[in-house]
Amino acid sequence: MRLSIKSLLAASAGLTILLLSLVLLCTFQLQRALATQAQAESQRYQSYLLANELRQSSDGRARNFQRGQSGSEYGRPGRTTA
């Protein structure tokens, strides 16, 4: 079985086009995956910021509550207020 140069060139051109198409398809898929990952990372960071803000707010309220409890405003444990 002998193939001519023309048929070999046509086969290699077809194979090259097929491989180039696969590379382009993989590139587009990779770009979509990277965009999805970037969006997930951004959402995760926003969640972290909100959780940190909530924690700081909670800590501040706990400190304020403890200060209020330790003052004479609420009385001290073991003492009766008149």
PDB file of N, CA and C in Angstrom:
ATOM      1  N   MET A   1       0.849  -1.175   0.000  1.00  0.00           N
ATOM      2  CA  MET A   1       0.000   0.000   0.000  1.00  0.00           C
ATOM      3  C   MET A   1       0.898   1.243   0.000  1.00  0.00           C
ATOM      4  N   ARG A   2       0.796   1.951  -1.082  1.00  0.00           N
ATOM      5  CA  ARG A   2       1.645   3.116  -1.255  1.00  0.00           C
ATOM      6  C   ARG A   2       0.768   4.360  -1.319  1.00  0.00           C
ATOM      7  N   LEU A   3       1.114   5.350  -0.475  1.00  0.00           N
ATOM      8  CA  LEU A   3       0.353   6.584  -0.450  1.00  0.00           C
ATOM      9  C   LEU A   3       1.139   7.673  -1.156  1.00  0.00           C
ATOM     10  N   SER A   4       0.430   8.532  -1.835  1.00  0.00           N
ATOM     11  CA  SER A   4       1.100   9.631  -2.523  1.00  0.00           C
ATOM     12  C   SER A   4       1.386  10.766  -1.540  1.00  0.00           C
ATOM     13  N   ILE A   5       2.277  11.628  -1.946  1.00  0.00           N
ATOM     14  CA  ILE A   5       2.643  12.770  -1.111  1.00  0.00           C
ATOM     15  C   ILE A   5       1.425  13.665  -0.901  1.00  0.00           C
ATOM     16  N   LYS A   6       0.620  13.809  -1.922  1.00  0.00           N
ATOM     17  CA  LYS A   6      -0.576  14.654  -1.827  1.00  0.00           C
ATOM     18  C   LYS A   6      -1.528  14.126  -0.760  1.00  0.00           C
ATOM     19  N   SER A   7      -1.750  12.832  -0.714  1.00  0.00           N
ATOM     20  CA  SER A   7      -2.667  12.261   0.291  1.00  0.00           C
ATOM     21  C   SER A   7      -2.057  12.342   1.693  1.00  0.00           C
ATOM     22  N   LEU A   8      -0.733  12.189   1.807  1.00  0.00           N
ATOM     23  CA  LEU A   8      -0.071  12.331   3.108  1.00  0.00           C
ATOM     24  C   LEU A   8      -0.180  13.765   3.629  1.00  0.00           C
ATOM     25  N   LEU A   9       0.004  14.751   2.740  1.00  0.00           N
ATOM     26  CA  LEU A   9      -0.128  16.147   3.142  1.00  0.00           C
ATOM     27  C   LEU A   9      -1.569  16.469   3.556  1.00  0.00           C
ATOM     28  N   ALA A  10      -2.527  15.938   2.827  1.00  0.00           N
ATOM     29  CA  ALA A  10      -3.929  16.171   3.162  1.00  0.00           C
ATOM     30  C   ALA A  10      -4.259  15.542   4.522  1.00  0.00           C
ATOM     31  N   ALA A  11      -3.746  14.355   4.778  1.00  0.00           N
ATOM     32  CA  ALA A  11      -3.993  13.687   6.066  1.00  0.00           C
ATOM     33  C   ALA A  11      -3.325  14.445   7.205  1.00  0.00           C
ATOM     34  N   SER A  12      -2.089  14.920   6.976  1.00  0.00           N
ATOM     35  CA  SER A  12      -1.413  15.657   8.042  1.00  0.00           C
ATOM     36  C   SER A  12      -2.084  17.010   8.281  1.00  0.00           C
ATOM     37  N   ALA A  13      -2.588  17.650   7.234  1.00  0.00           N
ATOM     38  CA  ALA A  13      -3.309  18.920   7.395  1.00  0.00           C
ATOM     39  C   ALA A  13      -4.601  18.686   8.182  1.00  0.00           C
ATOM     40  N   GLY A  14      -5.311  17.629   7.861  1.00  0.00           N
ATOM     41  CA  GLY A  14      -6.537  17.301   8.597  1.00  0.00           C
ATOM     42  C   GLY A  14      -6.251  17.008  10.056  1.00  0.00           C
ATOM     43  N   LEU A  15      -5.180  16.268  10.317  1.00  0.00           N
ATOM     44  CA  LEU A  15      -4.799  15.947  11.692  1.00  0.00           C
ATOM     45  C   LEU A  15      -4.390  17.206  12.455  1.00  0.00           C
ATOM     46  N   THR A  16      -3.669  18.094  11.767  1.00  0.00           N
ATOM     47  CA  THR A  16      -3.252  19.350  12.395  1.00  0.00           C
ATOM     48  C   THR A  16      -4.470  20.198  12.762  1.00  0.00           C
ATOM     49  N   ILE A  17      -5.437  20.293  11.861  1.00  0.00           N
ATOM     50  CA  ILE A  17      -6.660  21.059  12.137  1.00  0.00           C
ATOM     51  C   ILE A  17      -7.426  20.441  13.301  1.00  0.00           C
ATOM     52  N   LEU A  18      -7.506  19.122  13.328  1.00  0.00           N
ATOM     53  CA  LEU A  18      -8.197  18.444  14.423  1.00  0.00           C
ATOM     54  C   LEU A  18      -7.511  18.717  15.759  1.00  0.00           C
ATOM     55  N   LEU A  19      -6.186  18.597  15.783  1.00  0.00           N
ATOM     56  CA  LEU A  19      -5.451  18.838  17.028  1.00  0.00           C
ATOM     57  C   LEU A  19      -5.543  20.303  17.468  1.00  0.00           C
ATOM     58  N   LEU A  20      -5.499  21.229  16.519  1.00  0.00           N
ATOM     59  CA  LEU A  20      -5.643  22.643  16.840  1.00  0.00           C
ATOM     60  C   LEU A  20      -7.030  22.928  17.412  1.00  0.00           C
ATOM     61  N   SER A  21      -8.035  22.307  16.853  1.00  0.00           N
ATOM     62  CA  SER A  21      -9.397  22.473  17.376  1.00  0.00           C
ATOM     63  C   SER A  21      -9.502  21.954  18.810  1.00  0.00           C
ATOM     64  N   LEU A  22      -8.862  20.823  19.084  1.00  0.00           N
ATOM     65  CA  LEU A  22      -8.878  20.278  20.442  1.00  0.00           C
ATOM     66  C   LEU A  22      -8.146  21.195  21.417  1.00  0.00           C
ATOM     67  N   VAL A  23      -7.035  21.776  20.978  1.00  0.00           N
ATOM     68  CA  VAL A  23      -6.297  22.709  21.837  1.00  0.00           C
ATOM     69  C   VAL A  23      -7.155  23.930  22.143  1.00  0.00           C
ATOM     70  N   LEU A  24      -7.828  24.476  21.141  1.00  0.00           N
ATOM     71  CA  LEU A  24      -8.705  25.631  21.356  1.00  0.00           C
ATOM     72  C   LEU A  24      -9.860  25.285  22.298  1.00  0.00           C
ATOM     73  N   LEU A  25     -10.435  24.125  22.123  1.00  0.00           N
ATOM     74  CA  LEU A  25     -11.526  23.699  22.999  1.00  0.00           C
ATOM     75  C   LEU A  25     -11.039  23.581  24.439  1.00  0.00           C
ATOM     76  N   CYS A  26      -9.876  22.992  24.636  1.00  0.00           N
ATOM     77  CA  CYS A  26      -9.312  22.877  25.988  1.00  0.00           C
ATOM     78  C   CYS A  26      -9.002  24.246  26.583  1.00  0.00           C
ATOM     79  N   THR A  27      -8.544  25.178  25.741  1.00  0.00           N
ATOM     80  CA  THR A  27      -8.243  26.526  26.215  1.00  0.00           C
ATOM     81  C   THR A  27      -9.506  27.223  26.696  1.00  0.00           C
ATOM     82  N   PHE A  28     -10.589  27.120  25.943  1.00  0.00           N
ATOM     83  CA  PHE A  28     -11.853  27.739  26.358  1.00  0.00           C
ATOM     84  C   PHE A  28     -12.388  27.106  27.640  1.00  0.00           C
ATOM     85  N   GLN A  29     -12.264  25.793  27.753  1.00  0.00           N
ATOM     86  CA  GLN A  29     -12.705  25.112  28.972  1.00  0.00           C
ATOM     87  C   GLN A  29     -11.879  25.568  30.175  1.00  0.00           C
ATOM     88  N   LEU A  30     -10.589  25.739  29.974  1.00  0.00           N
ATOM     89  CA  LEU A  30      -9.712  26.195  31.049  1.00  0.00           C
ATOM     90  C   LEU A  30     -10.068  27.616  31.474  1.00  0.00           C
ATOM     91  N   GLN A  31     -10.337  28.489  30.510  1.00  0.00           N
ATOM     92  CA  GLN A  31     -10.740  29.861  30.841  1.00  0.00           C
ATOM     93  C   GLN A  31     -12.030  29.874  31.647  1.00  0.00           C
ATOM     94  N   ARG A  32     -12.984  29.049  31.281  1.00  0.00           N
ATOM     95  CA  ARG A  32     -14.250  28.980  32.014  1.00  0.00           C
ATOM     96  C   ARG A  32     -14.018  28.466  33.437  1.00  0.00           C
ATOM     97  N   ALA A  33     -13.166  27.468  33.569  1.00  0.00           N
ATOM     98  CA  ALA A  33     -12.874  26.923  34.900  1.00  0.00           C
ATOM     99  C   ALA A  33     -12.155  27.951  35.772  1.00  0.00           C
ATOM    100  N   LEU A  34     -11.234  28.710  35.186  1.00  0.00           N
ATOM    101  CA  LEU A  34     -10.528  29.743  35.944  1.00  0.00           C
ATOM    102  C   LEU A  34     -11.469  30.856  36.375  1.00  0.00           C
ATOM    103  N   ALA A  35     -12.409  31.233  35.523  1.00  0.00           N
ATOM    104  CA  ALA A  35     -13.388  32.258  35.886  1.00  0.00           C
ATOM    105  C   ALA A  35     -14.273  31.768  37.029  1.00  0.00           C
ATOM    106  N   THR A  36     -14.684  30.519  36.972  1.00  0.00           N
ATOM    107  CA  THR A  36     -15.497  29.949  38.042  1.00  0.00           C
ATOM    108  C   THR A  36     -14.722  29.907  39.345  1.00  0.00           C
ATOM    109  N   GLN A  37     -13.447  29.536  39.275  1.00  0.00           N
ATOM    110  CA  GLN A  37     -12.608  29.486  40.466  1.00  0.00           C
ATOM    111  C   GLN A  37     -12.411  30.884  41.049  1.00  0.00           C
ATOM    112  N   ALA A  38     -12.182  31.869  40.207  1.00  0.00           N
ATOM    113  CA  ALA A  38     -11.999  33.242  40.690  1.00  0.00           C
ATOM    114  C   ALA A  38     -13.267  33.753  41.375  1.00  0.00           C
ATOM    115  N   GLN A  39     -14.418  33.419  40.824  1.00  0.00           N
ATOM    116  CA  GLN A  39     -15.679  33.828  41.429  1.00  0.00           C
ATOM    117  C   GLN A  39     -15.867  33.143  42.781  1.00  0.00           C
ATOM    118  N   ALA A  40     -15.525  31.877  42.879  1.00  0.00           N
ATOM    119  CA  ALA A  40     -15.654  31.154  44.147  1.00  0.00           C
ATOM    120  C   ALA A  40     -14.697  31.725  45.196  1.00  0.00           C
ATOM    121  N   GLU A  41     -13.476  32.068  44.779  1.00  0.00           N
ATOM    122  CA  GLU A  41     -12.515  32.649  45.722  1.00  0.00           C
ATOM    123  C   GLU A  41     -12.993  34.013  46.210  1.00  0.00           C
ATOM    124  N   SER A  42     -13.570  34.800  45.320  1.00  0.00           N
ATOM    125  CA  SER A  42     -14.092  36.111  45.705  1.00  0.00           C
ATOM    126  C   SER A  42     -15.244  35.962  46.696  1.00  0.00           C
ATOM    127  N   GLN A  43     -16.123  35.021  46.428  1.00  0.00           N
ATOM    128  CA  GLN A  43     -17.249  34.788  47.329  1.00  0.00           C
ATOM    129  C   GLN A  43     -16.757  34.283  48.688  1.00  0.00           C
ATOM    130  N   ARG A  44     -15.759  33.425  48.679  1.00  0.00           N
ATOM    131  CA  ARG A  44     -15.196  32.923  49.932  1.00  0.00           C
ATOM    132  C   ARG A  44     -14.555  34.050  50.742  1.00  0.00           C
ATOM    133  N   TYR A  45     -13.863  34.956  50.071  1.00  0.00           N
ATOM    134  CA  TYR A  45     -13.235  36.079  50.758  1.00  0.00           C
ATOM    135  C   TYR A  45     -14.296  37.021  51.344  1.00  0.00           C
ATOM    136  N   GLN A  46     -15.370  37.253  50.596  1.00  0.00           N
ATOM    137  CA  GLN A  46     -16.452  38.096  51.115  1.00  0.00           C
ATOM    138  C   GLN A  46     -17.094  37.442  52.342  1.00  0.00           C
ATOM    139  N   SER A  47     -17.251  36.138  52.314  1.00  0.00           N
ATOM    140  CA  SER A  47     -17.800  35.426  53.472  1.00  0.00           C
ATOM    141  C   SER A  47     -16.868  35.552  54.669  1.00  0.00           C
ATOM    142  N   TYR A  48     -15.569  35.467  54.412  1.00  0.00           N
ATOM    143  CA  TYR A  48     -14.581  35.628  55.476  1.00  0.00           C
ATOM    144  C   TYR A  48     -14.684  37.021  56.092  1.00  0.00           C
ATOM    145  N   LEU A  49     -14.796  38.046  55.247  1.00  0.00           N
ATOM    146  CA  LEU A  49     -14.907  39.414  55.763  1.00  0.00           C
ATOM    147  C   LEU A  49     -16.157  39.587  56.612  1.00  0.00           C
ATOM    148  N   LEU A  50     -17.270  39.038  56.163  1.00  0.00           N
ATOM    149  CA  LEU A  50     -18.512  39.141  56.936  1.00  0.00           C
ATOM    150  C   LEU A  50     -18.405  38.394  58.260  1.00  0.00           C
ATOM    151  N   ALA A  51     -17.815  37.215  58.238  1.00  0.00           N
ATOM    152  CA  ALA A  51     -17.655  36.444  59.468  1.00  0.00           C
ATOM    153  C   ALA A  51     -16.733  37.170  60.441  1.00  0.00           C
ATOM    154  N   ASN A  52     -15.681  37.793  59.927  1.00  0.00           N
ATOM    155  CA  ASN A  52     -14.760  38.529  60.779  1.00  0.00           C
ATOM    156  C   ASN A  52     -15.464  39.745  61.391  1.00  0.00           C
ATOM    157  N   GLU A  53     -16.269  40.432  60.600  1.00  0.00           N
ATOM    158  CA  GLU A  53     -17.019  41.579  61.112  1.00  0.00           C
ATOM    159  C   GLU A  53     -18.003  41.137  62.197  1.00  0.00           C
ATOM    160  N   LEU A  54     -18.666  40.026  61.974  1.00  0.00           N
ATOM    161  CA  LEU A  54     -19.602  39.506  62.969  1.00  0.00           C
ATOM    162  C   LEU A  54     -18.873  39.117  64.248  1.00  0.00           C
ATOM    163  N   ARG A  55     -17.712  38.491  64.112  1.00  0.00           N
ATOM    164  CA  ARG A  55     -16.937  38.103  65.287  1.00  0.00           C
ATOM    165  C   ARG A  55     -16.507  39.329  66.077  1.00  0.00           C
ATOM    166  N   GLN A  56     -16.026  40.352  65.387  1.00  0.00           N
ATOM    167  CA  GLN A  56     -15.593  41.568  66.077  1.00  0.00           C
ATOM    168  C   GLN A  56     -16.766  42.248  66.771  1.00  0.00           C
ATOM    169  N   SER A  57     -17.912  42.263  66.127  1.00  0.00           N
ATOM    170  CA  SER A  57     -19.099  42.858  66.725  1.00  0.00           C
ATOM    171  C   SER A  57     -19.513  42.078  67.972  1.00  0.00           C
ATOM    172  N   SER A  58     -19.456  40.751  67.867  1.00  0.00           N
ATOM    173  CA  SER A  58     -19.816  39.902  68.994  1.00  0.00           C
ATOM    174  C   SER A  58     -18.837  40.089  70.149  1.00  0.00           C
ATOM    175  N   ASP A  59     -17.540  40.153  69.832  1.00  0.00           N
ATOM    176  CA  ASP A  59     -16.535  40.368  70.876  1.00  0.00           C
ATOM    177  C   ASP A  59     -16.746  41.714  71.554  1.00  0.00           C
ATOM    178  N   GLY A  60     -17.051  42.738  70.770  1.00  0.00           N
ATOM    179  CA  GLY A  60     -17.290  44.065  71.335  1.00  0.00           C
ATOM    180  C   GLY A  60     -18.501  44.082  72.258  1.00  0.00           C
ATOM    181  N   ARG A  61     -19.545  43.395  71.868  1.00  0.00           N
ATOM    182  CA  ARG A  61     -20.740  43.334  72.721  1.00  0.00           C
ATOM    183  C   ARG A  61     -20.455  42.573  74.010  1.00  0.00           C
ATOM    184  N   ALA A  62     -19.662  41.520  73.894  1.00  0.00           N
ATOM    185  CA  ALA A  62     -19.322  40.743  75.090  1.00  0.00           C
ATOM    186  C   ALA A  62     -18.497  41.598  76.055  1.00  0.00           C
ATOM    187  N   ARG A  63     -17.548  42.377  75.506  1.00  0.00           N
ATOM    188  CA  ARG A  63     -16.748  43.264  76.366  1.00  0.00           C
ATOM    189  C   ARG A  63     -17.632  44.322  77.025  1.00  0.00           C
ATOM    190  N   ASN A  64     -18.530  44.909  76.263  1.00  0.00           N
ATOM    191  CA  ASN A  64     -19.419  45.922  76.821  1.00  0.00           C
ATOM    192  C   ASN A  64     -20.327  45.327  77.894  1.00  0.00           C
ATOM    193  N   PHE A  65     -20.787  44.120  77.677  1.00  0.00           N
ATOM    194  CA  PHE A  65     -21.642  43.462  78.662  1.00  0.00           C
ATOM    195  C   PHE A  65     -20.857  43.183  79.938  1.00  0.00           C
ATOM    196  N   GLN A  66     -19.611  42.731  79.788  1.00  0.00           N
ATOM    197  CA  GLN A  66     -18.789  42.451  80.963  1.00  0.00           C
ATOM    198  C   GLN A  66     -18.479  43.721  81.730  1.00  0.00           C
ATOM    199  N   ARG A  67     -18.237  44.818  81.032  1.00  0.00           N
ATOM    200  CA  ARG A  67     -17.993  46.087  81.719  1.00  0.00           C
ATOM    201  C   ARG A  67     -19.220  46.525  82.488  1.00  0.00           C
ATOM    202  N   GLY A  68     -20.366  46.347  81.893  1.00  0.00           N
ATOM    203  CA  GLY A  68     -21.617  46.715  82.569  1.00  0.00           C
ATOM    204  C   GLY A  68     -21.877  45.856  83.786  1.00  0.00           C
ATOM    205  N   GLN A  69     -21.542  44.597  83.738  1.00  0.00           N
ATOM    206  CA  GLN A  69     -21.751  43.687  84.854  1.00  0.00           C
ATOM    207  C   GLN A  69     -20.791  43.982  85.998  1.00  0.00           C
ATOM    208  N   SER A  70     -19.591  44.462  85.685  1.00  0.00           N
ATOM    209  CA  SER A  70     -18.613  44.670  86.747  1.00  0.00           C
ATOM    210  C   SER A  70     -18.817  46.004  87.457  1.00  0.00           C
ATOM    211  N   GLY A  71     -19.594  46.896  86.913  1.00  0.00           N
ATOM    212  CA  GLY A  71     -19.831  48.192  87.540  1.00  0.00           C
ATOM    213  C   GLY A  71     -20.906  48.115  88.611  1.00  0.00           C
ATOM    214  N   SER A  72     -21.147  49.244  89.269  1.00  0.00           N
ATOM    215  CA  SER A  72     -22.147  49.268  90.336  1.00  0.00           C
ATOM    216  C   SER A  72     -23.553  49.385  89.784  1.00  0.00           C
ATOM    217  N   GLU A  73     -23.661  49.549  88.487  1.00  0.00           N
ATOM    218  CA  GLU A  73     -24.976  49.725  87.882  1.00  0.00           C
ATOM    219  C   GLU A  73     -25.872  48.515  88.123  1.00  0.00           C
ATOM    220  N   TYR A  74     -25.314  47.322  88.048  1.00  0.00           N
ATOM    221  CA  TYR A  74     -26.104  46.107  88.220  1.00  0.00           C
ATOM    222  C   TYR A  74     -25.914  45.491  89.605  1.00  0.00           C
ATOM    223  N   GLY A  75     -25.096  46.066  90.416  1.00  0.00           N
ATOM    224  CA  GLY A  75     -24.816  45.471  91.723  1.00  0.00           C
ATOM    225  C   GLY A  75     -23.748  44.412  91.601  1.00  0.00           C
ATOM    226  N   ARG A  76     -23.159  44.076  92.696  1.00  0.00           N
ATOM    227  CA  ARG A  76     -22.101  43.073  92.688  1.00  0.00           C
ATOM    228  C   ARG A  76     -22.641  41.788  93.270  1.00  0.00           C
ATOM    229  N   PRO A  77     -22.098  40.675  92.822  1.00  0.00           N
ATOM    230  CA  PRO A  77     -22.568  39.400  93.376  1.00  0.00           C
ATOM    231  C   PRO A  77     -22.298  39.338  94.884  1.00  0.00           C
ATOM    232  N   GLY A  78     -23.255  38.841  95.608  1.00  0.00           N
ATOM    233  CA  GLY A  78     -23.095  38.709  97.052  1.00  0.00           C
ATOM    234  C   GLY A  78     -23.546  39.946  97.815  1.00  0.00           C
ATOM    235  N   ARG A  79     -23.869  41.000  97.144  1.00  0.00           N
ATOM    236  CA  ARG A  79     -24.327  42.203  97.792  1.00  0.00           C
ATOM    237  C   ARG A  79     -25.773  42.452  97.432  1.00  0.00           C
ATOM    238  N   THR A  80     -26.457  43.019  98.304  1.00  0.00           N
ATOM    239  CA  THR A  80     -27.831  43.406  98.004  1.00  0.00           C
ATOM    240  C   THR A  80     -27.866  44.906  97.839  1.00  0.00           C
ATOM    241  N   THR A  81     -28.601  45.367  96.884  1.00  0.00           N
ATOM    242  CA  THR A  81     -28.704  46.795  96.632  1.00  0.00           C
ATOM    243  C   THR A  81     -29.924  47.335  97.349  1.00  0.00           C
ATOM    244  N   ALA A  82     -29.773  48.498  97.896  1.00  0.00           N
ATOM    245  CA  ALA A  82     -30.880  49.092  98.640  1.00  0.00           C
ATOM    246  C   ALA A  82     -31.639  50.075  97.814  1.00  0.00           C
TER     247      ALA A  82
END
